[in-house]
C-alpha atoms as a PDB file:
ATOM      1  CA  UNK A   1      35.250  10.284 -27.640  1.00  0.00           C
ATOM      2  CA  UNK A   2      32.353  10.735 -25.946  1.00  0.00           C
ATOM      3  CA  UNK A   3      31.268   7.881 -24.053  1.00  0.00           C
ATOM      4  CA  UNK A   4      27.813   5.788 -24.798  1.00  0.00           C
ATOM      5  CA  UNK A   5      25.122   6.854 -22.781  1.00  0.00           C
ATOM      6  CA  UNK A   6      24.027   4.465 -20.171  1.00  0.00           C
ATOM      7  CA  UNK A   7      20.547   4.556 -19.345  1.00  0.00           C
ATOM      8  CA  UNK A   8      21.274   2.814 -16.312  1.00  0.00           C
ATOM      9  CA  UNK A   9      23.569   5.337 -14.642  1.00  0.00           C
ATOM     10  CA  UNK A  10      20.941   8.049 -14.215  1.00  0.00           C
ATOM     11  CA  UNK A  11      18.836   5.543 -12.639  1.00  0.00           C
ATOM     12  CA  UNK A  12      21.514   4.366 -10.338  1.00  0.00           C
ATOM     13  CA  UNK A  13      22.056   7.949  -9.475  1.00  0.00           C
ATOM     14  CA  UNK A  14      18.541   8.853  -8.493  1.00  0.00           C
ATOM     15  CA  UNK A  15      18.134   5.676  -6.296  1.00  0.00           C
ATOM     16  CA  UNK A  16      21.330   6.714  -4.438  1.00  0.00           C
ATOM     17  CA  UNK A  17      19.914  10.421  -3.854  1.00  0.00           C
ATOM     18  CA  UNK A  18      16.366   9.047  -2.932  1.00  0.00           C
ATOM     19  CA  UNK A  19      18.203   6.852  -0.576  1.00  0.00           C
ATOM     20  CA  UNK A  20      20.230  10.021   1.181  1.00  0.00           C
ATOM     21  CA  UNK A  21      16.914  12.209   0.896  1.00  0.00           C
ATOM     22  CA  UNK A  22      14.719   9.104   2.286  1.00  0.00           C
ATOM     23  CA  UNK A  23      17.028   8.780   4.962  1.00  0.00           C
ATOM     24  CA  UNK A  24      16.581  12.325   6.457  1.00  0.00           C
ATOM     25  CA  UNK A  25      12.876  12.674   5.656  1.00  0.00           C
ATOM     26  CA  UNK A  26      12.255   9.242   7.332  1.00  0.00           C
ATOM     27  CA  UNK A  27      14.336  10.604  10.359  1.00  0.00           C
ATOM     28  CA  UNK A  28      12.466  13.887  10.403  1.00  0.00           C
ATOM     29  CA  UNK A  29       8.960  12.034  10.301  1.00  0.00           C
ATOM     30  CA  UNK A  30       9.831   9.664  13.207  1.00  0.00           C
ATOM     31  CA  UNK A  31      10.953  12.656  15.485  1.00  0.00           C
ATOM     32  CA  UNK A  32       7.535  14.713  14.662  1.00  0.00           C
ATOM     33  CA  UNK A  33       5.459  11.196  14.744  1.00  0.00           C
ATOM     34  CA  UNK A  34       7.498  10.745  18.434  1.00  0.00           C
ATOM     35  CA  UNK A  35       5.977  14.264  19.439  1.00  0.00           C
ATOM     36  CA  UNK A  36       2.589  13.584  18.114  1.00  0.00           C
ATOM     37  CA  UNK A  37       2.510  10.089  20.029  1.00  0.00           C
ATOM     38  CA  UNK A  38       3.808  11.946  23.445  1.00  0.00           C
ATOM     39  CA  UNK A  39       0.939  14.113  23.131  1.00  0.00           C
ATOM     40  CA  UNK A  40      -1.629  10.933  22.677  1.00  0.00           C
ATOM     41  CA  UNK A  41      -0.122   9.265  25.678  1.00  0.00           C
ATOM     42  CA  UNK A  42      -0.430  12.544  27.903  1.00  0.00           C
ATOM     43  CA  UNK A  43      -4.147  12.299  29.728  1.00  0.00           C
ATOM     44  CA  UNK A  44      -3.694  16.018  30.823  1.00  0.00           C
ATOM     45  CA  UNK A  45      -3.766  17.565  27.226  1.00  0.00           C
ATOM     46  CA  UNK A  46      -7.365  18.883  26.554  1.00  0.00           C
ATOM     47  CA  UNK A  47      -9.617  16.965  23.954  1.00  0.00           C
ATOM     48  CA  UNK A  48      -9.041  19.710  21.304  1.00  0.00           C
ATOM     49  CA  UNK A  49      -5.316  19.439  21.217  1.00  0.00           C
ATOM     50  CA  UNK A  50      -5.600  15.546  21.148  1.00  0.00           C
ATOM     51  CA  UNK A  51      -7.791  16.077  18.398  1.00  0.00           C
ATOM     52  CA  UNK A  52      -5.526  17.844  16.053  1.00  0.00           C
ATOM     53  CA  UNK A  53      -2.692  15.468  17.258  1.00  0.00           C
ATOM     54  CA  UNK A  54      -4.867  12.629  15.936  1.00  0.00           C
ATOM     55  CA  UNK A  55      -5.322  14.268  12.709  1.00  0.00           C
ATOM     56  CA  UNK A  56      -1.915  14.957  11.964  1.00  0.00           C
ATOM     57  CA  UNK A  57      -0.533  11.364  12.664  1.00  0.00           C
ATOM     58  CA  UNK A  58      -2.002   9.974   9.269  1.00  0.00           C
ATOM     59  CA  UNK A  59      -0.295  12.596   7.523  1.00  0.00           C
ATOM     60  CA  UNK A  60       3.126  11.842   8.857  1.00  0.00           C
ATOM     61  CA  UNK A  61       2.856   8.344   8.326  1.00  0.00           C
ATOM     62  CA  UNK A  62       1.397   9.033   4.738  1.00  0.00           C
ATOM     63  CA  UNK A  63       4.492  10.840   4.079  1.00  0.00           C
ATOM     64  CA  UNK A  64       6.567   8.018   5.322  1.00  0.00           C
ATOM     65  CA  UNK A  65       4.769   5.793   3.372  1.00  0.00           C
ATOM     66  CA  UNK A  66       5.283   7.644   0.321  1.00  0.00           C
ATOM     67  CA  UNK A  67       9.257   7.528   0.864  1.00  0.00           C
ATOM     68  CA  UNK A  68       9.273   3.933   1.658  1.00  0.00           C
ATOM     69  CA  UNK A  69       7.093   3.384  -1.841  1.00  0.00           C
ATOM     70  CA  UNK A  70       9.821   4.799  -3.612  1.00  0.00           C
ATOM     71  CA  UNK A  71      12.462   3.045  -2.566  1.00  0.00           C
ATOM     72  CA  UNK A  72      10.585  -0.054  -2.951  1.00  0.00           C
ATOM     73  CA  UNK A  73       9.792   0.712  -6.594  1.00  0.00           C
ATOM     74  CA  UNK A  74      13.591   1.401  -6.948  1.00  0.00           C
ATOM     75  CA  UNK A  75      14.697  -1.771  -5.130  1.00  0.00           C
ATOM     76  CA  UNK A  76      12.282  -4.023  -7.273  1.00  0.00           C
ATOM     77  CA  UNK A  77      12.496  -2.320 -10.832  1.00  0.00           C
ATOM     78  CA  UNK A  78      15.401  -5.188 -12.125  1.00  0.00           C
ATOM     79  CA  UNK A  79      14.590  -7.898 -10.036  1.00  0.00           C
ATOM     80  CA  UNK A  80      13.697 -11.511 -11.521  1.00  0.00           C
ATOM     81  CA  UNK A  81      10.579 -12.808 -10.147  1.00  0.00           C
ATOM     82  CA  UNK A  82      12.307 -16.483 -10.296  1.00  0.00           C
ATOM     83  CA  UNK A  83      15.104 -15.152  -7.491  1.00  0.00           C
ATOM     84  CA  UNK A  84      12.530 -13.854  -5.056  1.00  0.00           C
ATOM     85  CA  UNK A  85      12.183 -15.672  -1.771  1.00  0.00           C
ATOM     86  CA  UNK A  86       9.076 -17.064  -0.354  1.00  0.00           C
ATOM     87  CA  UNK A  87       7.236 -14.981   2.203  1.00  0.00           C
ATOM     88  CA  UNK A  88       3.917 -15.463   3.801  1.00  0.00           C
ATOM     89  CA  UNK A  89       1.051 -13.162   3.035  1.00  0.00           C
ATOM     90  CA  UNK A  90      -0.960 -13.883   6.337  1.00  0.00           C
ATOM     91  CA  UNK A  91       1.813 -11.742   8.106  1.00  0.00           C
ATOM     92  CA  UNK A  92       0.759  -8.478   7.082  1.00  0.00           C
ATOM     93  CA  UNK A  93      -2.879  -9.665   6.623  1.00  0.00           C
ATOM     94  CA  UNK A  94      -2.798 -10.861  10.297  1.00  0.00           C
ATOM     95  CA  UNK A  95      -1.212  -7.666  11.615  1.00  0.00           C
ATOM     96  CA  UNK A  96      -3.279  -5.266   9.743  1.00  0.00           C
ATOM     97  CA  UNK A  97      -6.012  -4.519  12.490  1.00  0.00           C
ATOM     98  CA  UNK A  98      -2.912  -3.146  14.633  1.00  0.00           C
ATOM     99  CA  UNK A  99      -1.032  -1.316  11.870  1.00  0.00           C
ATOM    100  CA  UNK A 100      -4.070   0.564  10.720  1.00  0.00           C
ATOM    101  CA  UNK A 101      -4.880   1.508  14.444  1.00  0.00           C
ATOM    102  CA  UNK A 102      -1.483   2.896  14.692  1.00  0.00           C
ATOM    103  CA  UNK A 103      -1.892   4.841  11.407  1.00  0.00           C
ATOM    104  CA  UNK A 104      -5.410   6.168  12.026  1.00  0.00           C
ATOM    105  CA  UNK A 105      -5.993   6.699  15.731  1.00  0.00           C
ATOM    106  CA  UNK A 106      -8.931   9.435  14.809  1.00  0.00           C
ATOM    107  CA  UNK A 107     -10.472   6.255  13.348  1.00  0.00           C
ATOM    108  CA  UNK A 108     -12.806   3.071  14.468  1.00  0.00           C
ATOM    109  CA  UNK A 109     -11.389   0.431  12.100  1.00  0.00           C
ATOM    110  CA  UNK A 110     -12.703  -3.304  11.884  1.00  0.00           C
ATOM    111  CA  UNK A 111     -10.900  -5.908   9.604  1.00  0.00           C
ATOM    112  CA  UNK A 112     -12.449  -9.206   9.007  1.00  0.00           C
ATOM    113  CA  UNK A 113     -10.554 -11.949   7.108  1.00  0.00           C
ATOM    114  CA  UNK A 114     -12.949 -13.955   5.387  1.00  0.00           C
ATOM    115  CA  UNK A 115     -10.908 -16.883   4.707  1.00  0.00           C
ATOM    116  CA  UNK A 116      -9.683 -20.282   6.599  1.00  0.00           C
ATOM    117  CA  UNK A 117      -6.154 -19.884   4.807  1.00  0.00           C
ATOM    118  CA  UNK A 118      -3.551 -20.285   7.656  1.00  0.00           C
ATOM    119  CA  UNK A 119      -0.607 -19.973   5.116  1.00  0.00           C
ATOM    120  CA  UNK A 120      -0.224 -18.241   1.761  1.00  0.00           C
ATOM    121  CA  UNK A 121       3.557 -18.110   0.681  1.00  0.00           C
ATOM    122  CA  UNK A 122       4.475 -16.093  -2.261  1.00  0.00           C
ATOM    123  CA  UNK A 123       6.999 -15.378  -4.111  1.00  0.00           C
ATOM    124  CA  UNK A 124       8.257 -11.805  -2.726  1.00  0.00           C
ATOM    125  CA  UNK A 125      10.368 -10.183  -0.026  1.00  0.00           C
ATOM    126  CA  UNK A 126       9.978  -7.567   2.308  1.00  0.00           C
ATOM    127  CA  UNK A 127       8.226  -5.369  -0.463  1.00  0.00           C
ATOM    128  CA  UNK A 128       4.932  -7.530  -0.059  1.00  0.00           C
ATOM    129  CA  UNK A 129       4.445  -6.351   3.637  1.00  0.00           C
ATOM    130  CA  UNK A 130       4.509  -2.948   2.356  1.00  0.00           C
ATOM    131  CA  UNK A 131       2.490  -3.819  -0.604  1.00  0.00           C
ATOM    132  CA  UNK A 132      -0.650  -5.123   1.491  1.00  0.00           C
ATOM    133  CA  UNK A 133       0.092  -2.454   4.250  1.00  0.00           C
ATOM    134  CA  UNK A 134       0.093   0.504   1.422  1.00  0.00           C
ATOM    135  CA  UNK A 135      -2.864  -1.006  -0.085  1.00  0.00           C
ATOM    136  CA  UNK A 136      -5.191  -1.312   3.334  1.00  0.00           C
ATOM    137  CA  UNK A 137      -3.964   2.198   3.961  1.00  0.00           C
ATOM    138  CA  UNK A 138      -5.459   3.496   0.784  1.00  0.00           C
ATOM    139  CA  UNK A 139      -8.744   1.646   1.712  1.00  0.00           C
ATOM    140  CA  UNK A 140      -9.279   3.666   4.649  1.00  0.00           C
ATOM    141  CA  UNK A 141      -8.298   6.850   3.401  1.00  0.00           C
ATOM    142  CA  UNK A 142     -11.238   6.401   0.637  1.00  0.00           C
ATOM    143  CA  UNK A 143     -13.513   6.312   3.193  1.00  0.00           C
ATOM    144  CA  UNK A 144     -14.839   9.474   4.702  1.00  0.00           C
ATOM    145  CA  UNK A 145     -16.421   7.661   7.746  1.00  0.00           C
ATOM    146  CA  UNK A 146     -14.947   7.742  11.479  1.00  0.00           C
ATOM    147  CA  UNK A 147     -15.864   3.882  11.442  1.00  0.00           C
ATOM    148  CA  UNK A 148     -14.401   1.666   8.878  1.00  0.00           C
ATOM    149  CA  UNK A 149     -14.849  -1.869   8.096  1.00  0.00           C
ATOM    150  CA  UNK A 150     -12.860  -3.745   5.701  1.00  0.00           C
ATOM    151  CA  UNK A 151     -13.152  -7.418   4.479  1.00  0.00           C
ATOM    152  CA  UNK A 152     -10.003  -9.586   3.523  1.00  0.00           C
ATOM    153  CA  UNK A 153     -10.212 -12.563   1.370  1.00  0.00           C
ATOM    154  CA  UNK A 154      -7.411 -14.845   0.240  1.00  0.00           C
ATOM    155  CA  UNK A 155      -7.961 -17.097  -2.781  1.00  0.00           C
ATOM    156  CA  UNK A 156      -5.564 -19.585  -4.657  1.00  0.00           C
ATOM    157  CA  UNK A 157      -5.981 -20.024  -8.411  1.00  0.00           C
ATOM    158  CA  UNK A 158      -3.828 -20.036 -11.778  1.00  0.00           C
ATOM    159  CA  UNK A 159      -2.964 -17.331 -13.461  1.00  0.00           C
ATOM    160  CA  UNK A 160      -0.719 -16.920 -16.888  1.00  0.00           C
ATOM    161  CA  UNK A 161       0.202 -20.260 -16.451  1.00  0.00           C
ATOM    162  CA  UNK A 162       1.372 -20.046 -12.730  1.00  0.00           C
ATOM    163  CA  UNK A 163      -0.356 -20.881  -9.334  1.00  0.00           C
ATOM    164  CA  UNK A 164      -1.066 -17.698  -7.607  1.00  0.00           C
ATOM    165  CA  UNK A 165      -2.544 -16.114  -4.481  1.00  0.00           C
ATOM    166  CA  UNK A 166      -4.672 -13.117  -4.326  1.00  0.00           C
ATOM    167  CA  UNK A 167      -5.631 -10.836  -1.546  1.00  0.00           C
ATOM    168  CA  UNK A 168      -8.888  -9.389  -2.174  1.00  0.00           C
ATOM    169  CA  UNK A 169      -9.375  -6.013   0.177  1.00  0.00           C
ATOM    170  CA  UNK A 170     -12.956  -4.567   0.111  1.00  0.00           C
ATOM    171  CA  UNK A 171     -14.595  -1.765   1.959  1.00  0.00           C
ATOM    172  CA  UNK A 172     -18.486  -1.006   1.121  1.00  0.00           C
ATOM    173  CA  UNK A 173     -18.130   2.613   2.306  1.00  0.00           C
ATOM    174  CA  UNK A 174     -15.122   3.947   0.241  1.00  0.00           C
ATOM    175  CA  UNK A 175     -15.175   5.477  -3.161  1.00  0.00           C
ATOM    176  CA  UNK A 176     -12.852   5.473  -5.844  1.00  0.00           C
ATOM    177  CA  UNK A 177     -11.491   8.876  -7.112  1.00  0.00           C
ATOM    178  CA  UNK A 178     -13.295   9.753 -10.462  1.00  0.00           C
ATOM    179  CA  UNK A 179     -10.042   9.487 -12.142  1.00  0.00           C
ATOM    180  CA  UNK A 180      -9.402   5.664 -12.053  1.00  0.00           C
ATOM    181  CA  UNK A 181     -13.475   4.507 -12.293  1.00  0.00           C
ATOM    182  CA  UNK A 182     -13.668   2.328 -15.254  1.00  0.00           C
ATOM    183  CA  UNK A 183     -10.324   2.839 -15.907  1.00  0.00           C
ATOM    184  CA  UNK A 184      -7.109   1.097 -15.925  1.00  0.00           C
ATOM    185  CA  UNK A 185      -4.531   2.475 -13.671  1.00  0.00           C
ATOM    186  CA  UNK A 186      -1.737   3.060 -15.989  1.00  0.00           C
ATOM    187  CA  UNK A 187      -3.978   5.746 -17.461  1.00  0.00           C
ATOM    188  CA  UNK A 188      -2.996   8.050 -14.724  1.00  0.00           C
ATOM    189  CA  UNK A 189       0.264   8.556 -16.397  1.00  0.00           C
ATOM    190  CA  UNK A 190      -1.465  10.886 -18.934  1.00  0.00           C
ATOM    191  CA  UNK A 191      -3.077  13.107 -15.924  1.00  0.00           C
ATOM    192  CA  UNK A 192      -2.005  16.150 -14.533  1.00  0.00           C
ATOM    193  CA  UNK A 193       0.060  15.277 -11.233  1.00  0.00           C
ATOM    194  CA  UNK A 194      -2.301  17.504  -9.187  1.00  0.00           C
ATOM    195  CA  UNK A 195      -5.090  14.883 -10.173  1.00  0.00           C
ATOM    196  CA  UNK A 196      -2.953  11.636  -9.957  1.00  0.00           C
ATOM    197  CA  UNK A 197      -1.537  12.506  -6.663  1.00  0.00           C
ATOM    198  CA  UNK A 198      -4.947  11.385  -5.146  1.00  0.00           C
ATOM    199  CA  UNK A 199      -3.822   7.917  -6.435  1.00  0.00           C
ATOM    200  CA  UNK A 200      -0.137   7.554  -6.145  1.00  0.00           C
ATOM    201  CA  UNK A 201      -0.672   4.806  -3.416  1.00  0.00           C
ATOM    202  CA  UNK A 202      -2.051   2.611  -6.304  1.00  0.00           C
ATOM    203  CA  UNK A 203       0.593   3.564  -8.842  1.00  0.00           C
ATOM    204  CA  UNK A 204       3.062   2.474  -6.516  1.00  0.00           C
ATOM    205  CA  UNK A 205       1.107  -1.015  -5.867  1.00  0.00           C
ATOM    206  CA  UNK A 206       0.711  -1.482  -9.432  1.00  0.00           C
ATOM    207  CA  UNK A 207       4.370  -1.021 -10.199  1.00  0.00           C
ATOM    208  CA  UNK A 208       5.686  -3.192  -7.227  1.00  0.00           C
ATOM    209  CA  UNK A 209       3.400  -6.150  -8.078  1.00  0.00           C
ATOM    210  CA  UNK A 210       4.280  -5.896 -11.631  1.00  0.00           C
ATOM    211  CA  UNK A 211       8.220  -5.716 -10.956  1.00  0.00           C
ATOM    212  CA  UNK A 212       7.650  -9.009  -8.725  1.00  0.00           C
ATOM    213  CA  UNK A 213       5.545 -10.994 -11.708  1.00  0.00           C
ATOM    214  CA  UNK A 214       2.025 -10.221 -10.067  1.00  0.00           C
ATOM    215  CA  UNK A 215      -0.599  -7.858 -10.391  1.00  0.00           C
ATOM    216  CA  UNK A 216      -2.870  -5.109  -8.715  1.00  0.00           C
ATOM    217  CA  UNK A 217      -6.082  -3.646  -9.654  1.00  0.00           C
ATOM    218  CA  UNK A 218      -8.695  -1.353  -8.214  1.00  0.00           C
ATOM    219  CA  UNK A 219     -12.821  -1.675  -9.135  1.00  0.00           C
ATOM    220  CA  UNK A 220     -16.017  -0.334  -7.781  1.00  0.00           C
ATOM    221  CA  UNK A 221     -17.530  -2.812  -5.656  1.00  0.00           C
ATOM    222  CA  UNK A 222     -20.758  -3.960  -7.001  1.00  0.00           C
ATOM    223  CA  UNK A 223     -23.755  -4.626  -4.783  1.00  0.00           C
ATOM    224  CA  UNK A 224     -26.938  -5.567  -5.640  1.00  0.00           C
ATOM    225  CA  UNK A 225     -26.291  -4.444  -9.293  1.00  0.00           C
ATOM    226  CA  UNK A 226     -25.026  -1.078  -7.816  1.00  0.00           C
ATOM    227  CA  UNK A 227     -21.726   0.448  -7.906  1.00  0.00           C
ATOM    228  CA  UNK A 228     -20.842   0.939  -4.328  1.00  0.00           C
ATOM    229  CA  UNK A 229     -17.548   0.559  -2.524  1.00  0.00           C
ATOM    230  CA  UNK A 230     -14.051  -0.286  -3.238  1.00  0.00           C
ATOM    231  CA  UNK A 231     -12.103  -3.475  -3.939  1.00  0.00           C
ATOM    232  CA  UNK A 232      -8.407  -3.730  -4.224  1.00  0.00           C
ATOM    233  CA  UNK A 233      -6.840  -7.022  -5.504  1.00  0.00           C
ATOM    234  CA  UNK A 234      -3.372  -7.906  -5.223  1.00  0.00           C
ATOM    235  CA  UNK A 235      -2.091 -11.091  -7.009  1.00  0.00           C
ATOM    236  CA  UNK A 236       1.514 -12.647  -6.685  1.00  0.00           C
ATOM    237  CA  UNK A 237       2.845 -16.171  -7.752  1.00  0.00           C
ATOM    238  CA  UNK A 238       2.525 -18.902  -5.424  1.00  0.00           C
ATOM    239  CA  UNK A 239       5.762 -19.998  -3.947  1.00  0.00           C
ATOM    240  CA  UNK A 240       7.059 -23.403  -5.254  1.00  0.00           C
ATOM    241  CA  UNK A 241       6.545 -26.401  -2.983  1.00  0.00           C
ATOM    242  CA  UNK A 242       4.435 -24.452  -0.497  1.00  0.00           C
END
């Protein structure tokens, strides 16, 4: 007699193989990144060599981020939002300038936090840190310039019967890919993978926030009636009693 097909089994097997594959990819990326950082730390190398190393670093870090995003999606797919522990959003926000500087050594990045909030506790786990980092990285990647300016604002508000915290990340010089302009992020699933790959970071952000009972959206920033720039908004449930 054939056993009843269990839909969870393929997912568990995929998670297992992803964990093994991810471990090897992350180790290899870390080794390559180590060599690149040695080149950047050595003043004896000519400027052209350093320039190539600076341009290679974001590609290695992006590859690492993709693997970690897949693992986070798998880790949060069956999670109950009520079982999540409190985590302070201000942690990854305050670390943003230093993290982005390491991620993009070929760019000058200025991050301004336009908020007087000292603590913003939400229901989450370590995925919250990666979620904010991932969104900030996408904000920089969509900016073609070498000098990047980002503004972050945190607001507390009601959403769906719960109190929530939202992190609004703006870059006036970035540009959303045409595939997501005036469209919902979920519509990307109907696109060819070669087109959708440009916004894979947004897809991961959407999936992870949804798994944690929150939301994520990407919009064109409007200034004086004109569409200019990009704004990402991460919304997560506020932690009880915080």
